[in-house]
Amino acid sequence: MLITRQANALLEKILSSGKVGVILGARQVGKTTLVEQFLAGRPVTFLNFDIELDKARFLSAASLAPVDALRVLGDPEVLVIDEAQRLPECTRIVKGWHDARLPARFLLLGSSPLDLHDQTAESLTGRNRKLLLPPLLFSETLATQAWADPLLPRQHLCEHFPSQLRAYLMNRMVFGSYPEIVASGEQPLPLLRELSSDYLWRDVLHAGLLKSPDLIKRLLGLLAHQVGSEVSVNELATQLSMARPTVDRYLDLLEQTFVIFRLPAFSTNPRKEIAKSRKIYFWDTGIRNAIIGAYSDSESRPDIGALWENWVIAEVAKRNLLFGSPAQLHFWRSRAQSEVDLVIRQDEKLQAFEIKWSSRRVVGRAFQNAYGVEVQGIRPTHPFTEHLIPA
């Protein structure tokens, strides 16, 4: 199944910039497929540093003069190196080729961003442009459905296909939006279980050099049950019988490997508003559900409100990440316990949203009184969030 991604336009800009492209994202998020589809028909050399022969070929070329190195690699228009973090000297070598002004473009792909971030910061400062690739956006997955013609106005879908839209939305909330899951159609569960295991333990444990996965598994289970709630690191440490610095380190690791992200509190008046709290969400709700084995697609499941909140905020966060984080995302709570689920600050403009699965009335008077911004409701009847972060 061919899925058209909004990242195509961003990849074109990177290749046109003359700089080294660095594409980062979790394993199986679609980095390689994105590049292969975009560069189809062009003279490209692909190397994968998970393959020892490709590593050896690259190092052999690196021992030659830059022009000869490119010839050995097939004189490509674009040299693509997958799993580039597996060879620490990769970025230093590519820097030399880039500085020699060879007639080629370079793309480095990495599913372990901790290592590749460090390498590019050291060797490619000022010479690279990054693309952070999240799981598929809802609009990208929706375009795969025959009944959801992308040329039709969104309002048309809501009015004429409400049952299909609702059912499809629930499917994405339960099973997530990784490309392989979306393409699997009616049988996503075995793939999701396999993906969640590979995604979490191969990359997270490798990146963190952890000797035992048990503690981080328990931590993820606690986080999965607390989405939408403010998370106390001290409480997590107590529940896990771990030192707080260890929990902080694990949270950093999970965030840097695109498992979770933290939503900070919005505050301009610490005396009246919570300023230091954090909420934690999963980039993909399918991964979250797999961690706790919650695969029900019933709208009456007990965590439907928290699941909907995670899904919406993740959709906004994915789009924000993809387009270079132009907005700051927060939640808001006053010391009098008034709350707003999502506050978006972009170009000095504030937007505020309450995320509700039910038809319950949105109450945002406290935030409106404090900031002069009306709090809007986001409900499953209109599951389109891309307008919140303009491209």
Protein backbone atom coordinates (compact mmCIF):
# COMPACT_ATOMS: atom_id res chain seq x y z
CA MET A 1 0.00 0.00 0.00
CA LEU A 2 1.45 3.35 -1.08
CA ILE A 3 0.88 6.02 1.58
CA THR A 4 1.61 9.59 0.57
CA ARG A 5 3.33 11.44 3.40
CA GLN A 6 3.57 15.13 4.12
CA ALA A 7 7.26 14.56 4.80
CA ASN A 8 7.83 14.30 1.02
CA ALA A 9 7.83 18.09 0.64
CA LEU A 10 10.20 18.45 3.59
CA LEU A 11 12.57 15.86 2.13
CA GLU A 12 12.62 17.75 -1.16
CA LYS A 13 13.66 20.91 0.68
CA ILE A 14 16.47 19.06 2.44
CA LEU A 15 17.84 17.65 -0.80
CA SER A 16 17.60 21.06 -2.47
CA SER A 17 19.42 22.77 0.41
CA GLY A 18 22.79 21.23 -0.43
CA LYS A 19 23.21 20.10 3.16
CA VAL A 20 23.46 16.62 4.64
CA GLY A 21 19.99 15.31 5.44
CA VAL A 22 19.47 13.53 8.75
CA ILE A 23 16.18 11.63 9.14
CA LEU A 24 15.42 10.44 12.65
CA GLY A 25 12.54 8.43 14.03
CA ALA A 26 11.64 5.25 15.84
CA ARG A 27 12.17 1.87 14.21
CA GLN A 28 9.46 0.93 11.66
CA VAL A 29 8.14 4.50 11.46
CA GLY A 30 8.73 4.49 7.70
CA LYS A 31 12.05 6.31 7.20
CA THR A 32 13.49 3.90 4.64
CA THR A 33 10.20 3.54 2.75
CA LEU A 34 9.81 7.32 2.62
CA VAL A 35 13.25 7.73 1.04
CA GLU A 36 12.92 4.76 -1.33
CA GLN A 37 9.57 5.98 -2.68
CA PHE A 38 10.71 9.58 -2.96
CA LEU A 39 13.96 8.71 -4.79
CA ALA A 40 12.49 6.02 -7.06
CA GLY A 41 13.93 6.26 -10.56
CA ARG A 42 16.97 8.32 -9.55
CA PRO A 43 20.58 7.04 -9.34
CA VAL A 44 20.80 6.20 -5.65
CA THR A 45 23.11 4.03 -3.57
CA PHE A 46 21.61 2.57 -0.39
CA LEU A 47 23.82 1.31 2.42
CA ASN A 48 22.52 -0.24 5.64
CA PHE A 49 24.94 -0.32 8.55
CA ASP A 50 23.03 -3.18 10.14
CA ILE A 51 24.70 -5.16 7.32
CA GLU A 52 28.42 -5.74 7.83
CA LEU A 53 29.16 -5.91 4.09
CA ASP A 54 27.70 -2.43 3.64
CA LYS A 55 29.82 -1.15 6.51
CA ALA A 56 32.94 -2.66 4.95
CA ARG A 57 32.09 -1.18 1.54
CA PHE A 58 31.67 2.27 3.08
CA LEU A 59 34.94 2.07 5.03
CA SER A 60 36.78 0.85 1.95
CA ALA A 61 35.51 3.86 0.02
CA ALA A 62 36.47 6.16 2.90
CA SER A 63 40.11 5.12 2.53
CA LEU A 64 40.21 6.65 -0.96
CA ALA A 65 40.23 10.22 -2.23
CA PRO A 66 36.70 11.70 -2.11
CA VAL A 67 36.14 11.56 -5.90
CA ASP A 68 37.34 7.97 -6.05
CA ALA A 69 35.20 7.10 -3.03
CA LEU A 70 32.07 8.24 -4.81
CA ARG A 71 33.01 6.25 -7.91
CA VAL A 72 33.47 3.08 -5.84
CA LEU A 73 30.00 3.63 -4.39
CA GLY A 74 28.44 3.82 -7.86
CA ASP A 75 28.54 7.56 -8.59
CA PRO A 76 25.10 8.08 -7.01
CA GLU A 77 23.09 11.25 -7.16
CA VAL A 78 22.10 10.51 -3.57
CA LEU A 79 23.96 8.33 -1.07
CA VAL A 80 21.55 6.99 1.57
CA ILE A 81 22.97 5.45 4.74
CA ASP A 82 20.44 3.60 6.89
CA GLU A 83 21.12 2.89 10.58
CA ALA A 84 23.97 5.39 10.32
CA GLN A 85 24.44 5.45 14.09
CA ARG A 86 25.91 1.93 13.93
CA LEU A 87 29.22 3.38 12.68
CA PRO A 88 30.39 6.26 14.91
CA GLU A 89 32.90 7.60 12.34
CA CYS A 90 30.20 7.80 9.64
CA THR A 91 29.37 11.47 10.16
CA ARG A 92 33.05 12.48 10.18
CA ILE A 93 33.59 10.72 6.84
CA VAL A 94 30.44 12.17 5.29
CA LYS A 95 31.53 15.61 6.50
CA GLY A 96 34.77 15.23 4.52
CA TRP A 97 32.90 14.21 1.39
CA HIS A 98 30.41 17.05 1.81
CA ASP A 99 33.19 19.60 2.30
CA ALA A 100 34.91 18.28 -0.85
CA ARG A 101 31.82 19.47 -2.77
CA LEU A 102 31.19 16.12 -4.41
CA PRO A 103 28.29 16.05 -6.92
CA ALA A 104 26.10 14.00 -4.60
CA ARG A 105 23.62 14.49 -1.81
CA PHE A 106 23.82 12.58 1.47
CA LEU A 107 20.98 11.25 3.61
CA LEU A 108 21.65 9.65 7.00
CA LEU A 109 18.83 7.65 8.58
CA GLY A 110 18.76 6.63 12.21
CA SER A 111 16.38 4.77 14.52
CA SER A 112 18.57 5.38 17.56
CA PRO A 113 18.61 9.17 17.69
CA LEU A 114 20.64 9.35 20.88
CA ASP A 115 23.78 8.20 19.06
CA LEU A 116 23.13 9.97 15.77
CA HIS A 117 22.26 13.26 17.47
CA ASP A 118 25.62 13.20 19.25
CA GLN A 119 27.48 12.31 16.08
CA THR A 120 25.88 15.04 13.94
CA ALA A 121 26.35 17.62 16.67
CA GLU A 122 30.06 16.82 16.73
CA SER A 123 30.81 16.45 13.01
CA LEU A 124 28.02 18.06 10.99
CA THR A 125 27.24 21.26 12.87
CA GLY A 126 25.99 23.82 10.34
CA ARG A 127 26.11 21.24 7.56
CA ASN A 128 22.94 19.24 8.22
CA ARG A 129 19.17 19.60 8.14
CA LYS A 130 17.09 17.25 10.23
CA LEU A 131 13.72 15.67 9.58
CA LEU A 132 12.06 14.05 12.60
CA LEU A 133 9.60 11.50 11.31
CA PRO A 134 6.69 10.51 13.60
CA PRO A 135 4.13 7.76 13.03
CA LEU A 136 1.57 8.53 10.33
CA LEU A 137 -0.72 11.50 10.76
CA PHE A 138 -4.43 10.69 10.84
CA SER A 139 -4.97 12.54 7.56
CA GLU A 140 -2.30 10.34 5.94
CA THR A 141 -3.93 7.14 7.15
CA LEU A 142 -7.41 8.35 6.22
CA ALA A 143 -6.32 8.80 2.61
CA THR A 144 -5.90 5.00 2.38
CA GLN A 145 -9.64 4.47 2.84
CA ALA A 146 -11.71 4.18 -0.35
CA TRP A 147 -14.66 6.06 1.15
CA ALA A 148 -12.47 8.98 2.33
CA ASP A 149 -11.69 10.75 -0.95
CA PRO A 150 -8.92 13.24 -0.05
CA LEU A 151 -10.36 15.73 -2.55
CA LEU A 152 -13.59 15.99 -0.58
CA PRO A 153 -13.90 18.68 2.12
CA ARG A 154 -13.41 17.38 5.65
CA GLN A 155 -16.84 18.59 6.63
CA HIS A 156 -18.24 16.33 3.88
CA LEU A 157 -16.65 13.29 5.55
CA CYS A 158 -18.11 14.23 8.92
CA GLU A 159 -21.58 14.73 7.49
CA HIS A 160 -21.80 11.87 4.98
CA PHE A 161 -19.58 9.15 6.46
CA PRO A 162 -20.03 9.57 10.22
CA SER A 163 -20.18 5.86 11.07
CA GLN A 164 -17.17 4.93 8.89
CA LEU A 165 -15.21 7.86 10.26
CA ARG A 166 -16.02 7.02 13.87
CA ALA A 167 -15.13 3.34 13.42
CA TYR A 168 -11.89 4.18 11.63
CA LEU A 169 -10.94 6.71 14.28
CA MET A 170 -11.49 4.09 16.99
CA ASN A 171 -9.33 1.65 15.05
CA ARG A 172 -6.47 4.14 14.88
CA MET A 173 -6.81 4.97 18.58
CA VAL A 174 -6.62 1.29 19.52
CA PHE A 175 -3.98 0.02 17.08
CA GLY A 176 -2.03 3.18 16.33
CA SER A 177 -0.58 4.64 13.16
CA TYR A 178 2.64 2.88 12.31
CA PRO A 179 2.71 2.30 8.52
CA GLU A 180 2.82 -1.50 8.75
CA ILE A 181 -0.13 -1.48 11.16
CA VAL A 182 -2.20 0.81 8.93
CA ALA A 183 -1.39 -1.30 5.87
CA SER A 184 -2.28 -4.57 7.64
CA GLY A 185 -6.01 -3.93 7.33
CA GLU A 186 -8.07 -6.40 9.33
CA GLN A 187 -5.26 -8.17 11.20
CA PRO A 188 -3.22 -5.54 13.06
CA LEU A 189 -2.91 -7.21 16.47
CA PRO A 190 -0.09 -9.73 15.79
CA LEU A 191 1.91 -7.01 14.03
CA LEU A 192 1.33 -4.54 16.84
CA ARG A 193 2.54 -7.01 19.46
CA GLU A 194 5.65 -7.74 17.42
CA LEU A 195 6.27 -4.08 16.67
CA SER A 196 5.87 -2.95 20.27
CA SER A 197 8.33 -5.58 21.44
CA ASP A 198 10.92 -4.82 18.75
CA TYR A 199 10.39 -1.07 18.93
CA LEU A 200 10.76 -0.84 22.69
CA TRP A 201 13.35 -3.42 23.59
CA ARG A 202 15.72 -3.36 20.63
CA ASP A 203 16.13 0.40 20.50
CA VAL A 204 15.36 1.55 24.02
CA LEU A 205 17.42 -1.09 25.75
CA HIS A 206 20.27 -0.80 23.26
CA ALA A 207 20.35 2.99 23.50
CA GLY A 208 20.26 2.96 27.27
CA LEU A 209 22.65 0.05 27.73
CA LEU A 210 20.24 -1.39 30.29
CA LYS A 211 21.01 -4.82 31.69
CA SER A 212 17.42 -5.73 32.56
CA PRO A 213 14.19 -4.64 30.87
CA ASP A 214 12.01 -5.42 33.90
CA LEU A 215 12.16 -2.00 35.54
CA ILE A 216 11.59 -0.05 32.36
CA LYS A 217 8.69 -2.37 31.46
CA ARG A 218 7.10 -1.64 34.84
CA LEU A 219 7.72 2.08 34.36
CA LEU A 220 6.03 2.01 30.96
CA GLY A 221 3.08 0.17 32.46
CA LEU A 222 2.64 2.87 35.08
CA LEU A 223 2.90 5.61 32.46
CA ALA A 224 0.39 3.87 30.19
CA HIS A 225 -2.17 3.88 33.01
CA GLN A 226 -1.50 7.56 33.84
CA VAL A 227 -1.85 9.25 30.42
CA GLY A 228 -3.68 12.52 30.85
CA SER A 229 -2.67 12.83 34.50
CA GLU A 230 0.14 14.83 36.01
CA VAL A 231 3.04 12.51 36.68
CA SER A 232 5.04 12.64 39.89
CA VAL A 233 8.55 11.31 39.43
CA ASN A 234 8.82 10.83 43.20
CA GLU A 235 5.71 8.62 43.18
CA LEU A 236 7.03 6.62 40.24
CA ALA A 237 10.33 6.10 42.06
CA THR A 238 8.49 4.92 45.18
CA GLN A 239 6.24 2.52 43.26
CA LEU A 240 9.22 1.06 41.41
CA SER A 241 11.57 1.06 44.43
CA MET A 242 14.04 3.05 42.33
CA ALA A 243 16.08 6.16 42.96
CA ARG A 244 14.58 9.31 41.49
CA PRO A 245 17.67 10.03 39.31
CA THR A 246 17.27 6.57 37.77
CA VAL A 247 13.61 7.23 36.94
CA ASP A 248 14.57 10.61 35.45
CA ARG A 249 17.22 8.92 33.31
CA TYR A 250 14.73 6.30 32.08
CA LEU A 251 12.17 8.99 31.23
CA ASP A 252 14.80 10.90 29.28
CA LEU A 253 15.70 7.73 27.42
CA LEU A 254 12.07 6.95 26.56
CA GLU A 255 11.56 10.49 25.32
CA GLN A 256 14.72 10.57 23.24
CA THR A 257 13.82 7.28 21.56
CA PHE A 258 10.33 8.52 20.58
CA VAL A 259 8.32 6.31 22.93
CA ILE A 260 6.86 9.11 25.07
CA PHE A 261 6.82 12.89 25.17
CA ARG A 262 6.28 15.26 28.06
CA LEU A 263 3.78 18.11 28.09
CA PRO A 264 4.85 20.93 30.44
CA ALA A 265 2.51 23.22 32.34
CA PHE A 266 1.73 26.65 30.89
CA SER A 267 2.09 29.47 33.37
CA THR A 268 2.74 33.18 33.51
CA ASN A 269 1.75 33.50 37.16
CA PRO A 270 3.30 30.78 39.37
CA ARG A 271 1.43 32.10 42.41
CA LYS A 272 -1.92 31.22 40.81
CA GLU A 273 -0.94 28.50 38.31
CA ILE A 274 0.91 25.18 38.36
CA ALA A 275 4.26 25.84 36.73
CA LYS A 276 6.52 22.81 37.17
CA SER A 277 4.27 19.80 36.60
CA ARG A 278 4.44 17.53 33.55
CA LYS A 279 2.04 15.19 31.82
CA ILE A 280 3.35 12.27 29.81
CA TYR A 281 1.85 10.91 26.59
CA PHE A 282 2.78 8.19 24.11
CA TRP A 283 3.66 9.13 20.53
CA ASP A 284 1.53 6.21 19.38
CA THR A 285 -1.57 5.02 21.21
CA GLY A 286 -1.21 1.54 19.71
CA ILE A 287 2.12 1.15 21.49
CA ARG A 288 0.52 2.41 24.70
CA ASN A 289 -2.31 -0.12 24.41
CA ALA A 290 0.11 -2.96 23.63
CA ILE A 291 2.06 -2.25 26.81
CA ILE A 292 -1.00 -2.89 28.97
CA GLY A 293 -2.79 -5.34 26.65
CA ALA A 294 -5.82 -3.07 26.16
CA TYR A 295 -7.13 -3.79 22.65
CA SER A 296 -10.87 -3.26 23.07
CA ASP A 297 -12.43 -1.13 20.32
CA SER A 298 -15.54 -0.46 22.41
CA GLU A 299 -16.37 3.17 23.05
CA SER A 300 -17.36 2.16 26.56
CA ARG A 301 -13.86 1.00 27.52
CA PRO A 302 -13.03 2.55 30.90
CA ASP A 303 -10.04 4.54 29.64
CA ILE A 304 -11.76 6.02 26.57
CA GLY A 305 -11.38 9.61 27.79
CA ALA A 306 -7.67 9.27 28.51
CA LEU A 307 -7.09 7.36 25.28
CA TRP A 308 -8.85 10.06 23.24
CA GLU A 309 -6.84 12.78 25.00
CA ASN A 310 -3.55 10.98 24.28
CA TRP A 311 -4.54 10.43 20.64
CA VAL A 312 -5.47 14.07 20.03
CA ILE A 313 -2.43 15.53 21.75
CA ALA A 314 -0.16 13.04 19.97
CA GLU A 315 -1.67 14.06 16.61
CA VAL A 316 -0.91 17.70 17.35
CA ALA A 317 2.56 16.83 18.66
CA LYS A 318 3.37 14.65 15.61
CA ARG A 319 2.51 17.44 13.21
CA ASN A 320 4.45 19.93 15.30
CA LEU A 321 7.49 17.62 15.33
CA LEU A 322 7.30 16.98 11.60
CA PHE A 323 7.25 20.68 10.75
CA GLY A 324 10.13 21.61 13.01
CA SER A 325 8.29 22.36 16.27
CA PRO A 326 6.97 25.83 15.39
CA ALA A 327 4.63 25.77 18.39
CA GLN A 328 5.01 25.24 22.11
CA LEU A 329 2.56 22.71 23.54
CA HIS A 330 1.37 22.81 27.15
CA PHE A 331 -1.45 21.94 29.50
CA TRP A 332 -2.77 24.44 32.06
CA ARG A 333 -4.01 24.13 35.64
CA SER A 334 -4.70 26.82 38.17
CA ARG A 335 -4.09 26.33 41.87
CA ALA A 336 -7.88 26.49 42.21
CA GLN A 337 -7.97 23.27 40.08
CA SER A 338 -9.33 24.78 36.84
CA GLU A 339 -7.78 22.92 33.90
CA VAL A 340 -7.22 23.08 30.15
CA ASP A 341 -5.98 19.95 28.36
CA LEU A 342 -3.97 21.62 25.59
CA VAL A 343 -2.54 25.10 25.18
CA ILE A 344 -0.77 25.91 21.91
CA ARG A 345 1.49 28.94 21.74
CA GLN A 346 2.61 29.87 18.23
CA ASP A 347 3.89 33.25 17.05
CA GLU A 348 2.68 34.84 20.30
CA LYS A 349 -0.82 33.53 19.60
CA LEU A 350 -2.55 31.30 22.15
CA GLN A 351 -5.10 28.56 21.47
CA ALA A 352 -6.72 26.53 24.24
CA PHE A 353 -8.60 23.23 23.98
CA GLU A 354 -10.54 20.83 26.16
CA ILE A 355 -10.45 17.30 24.75
CA LYS A 356 -13.70 15.45 25.45
CA TRP A 357 -14.98 12.13 24.18
CA SER A 358 -18.43 12.83 25.65
CA SER A 359 -20.79 15.66 24.75
CA ARG A 360 -20.24 17.27 28.13
CA ARG A 361 -20.06 21.08 28.00
CA VAL A 362 -16.63 22.70 27.80
CA VAL A 363 -15.94 24.97 30.76
CA GLY A 364 -12.95 27.24 30.29
CA ARG A 365 -13.97 30.44 32.00
CA ALA A 366 -10.92 30.59 34.29
CA PHE A 367 -8.45 30.40 31.41
CA GLN A 368 -10.46 32.88 29.34
CA ASN A 369 -10.54 35.31 32.25
CA ALA A 370 -6.78 34.97 32.73
CA TYR A 371 -5.70 35.15 29.06
CA GLY A 372 -8.64 36.42 27.04
CA VAL A 373 -8.71 33.22 24.97
CA GLU A 374 -11.83 31.12 24.51
CA VAL A 375 -11.37 27.43 25.29
CA GLN A 376 -12.58 25.26 22.41
CA GLY A 377 -13.72 21.65 22.53
CA ILE A 378 -12.17 18.80 20.51
CA ARG A 379 -14.57 15.88 20.15
CA PRO A 380 -14.57 12.64 18.12
CA THR A 381 -17.25 14.05 15.82
CA HIS A 382 -14.53 16.17 14.17
CA PRO A 383 -11.24 14.24 14.50
CA PHE A 384 -9.13 16.58 12.36
CA THR A 385 -6.34 18.33 14.19
CA GLU A 386 -3.95 19.41 11.44
CA HIS A 387 -5.39 22.94 11.35
CA LEU A 388 -4.06 23.49 14.88
CA ILE A 389 -0.44 23.53 13.63
CA PRO A 390 -0.28 25.17 10.17
CA ALA A 391 2.32 23.65 7.84
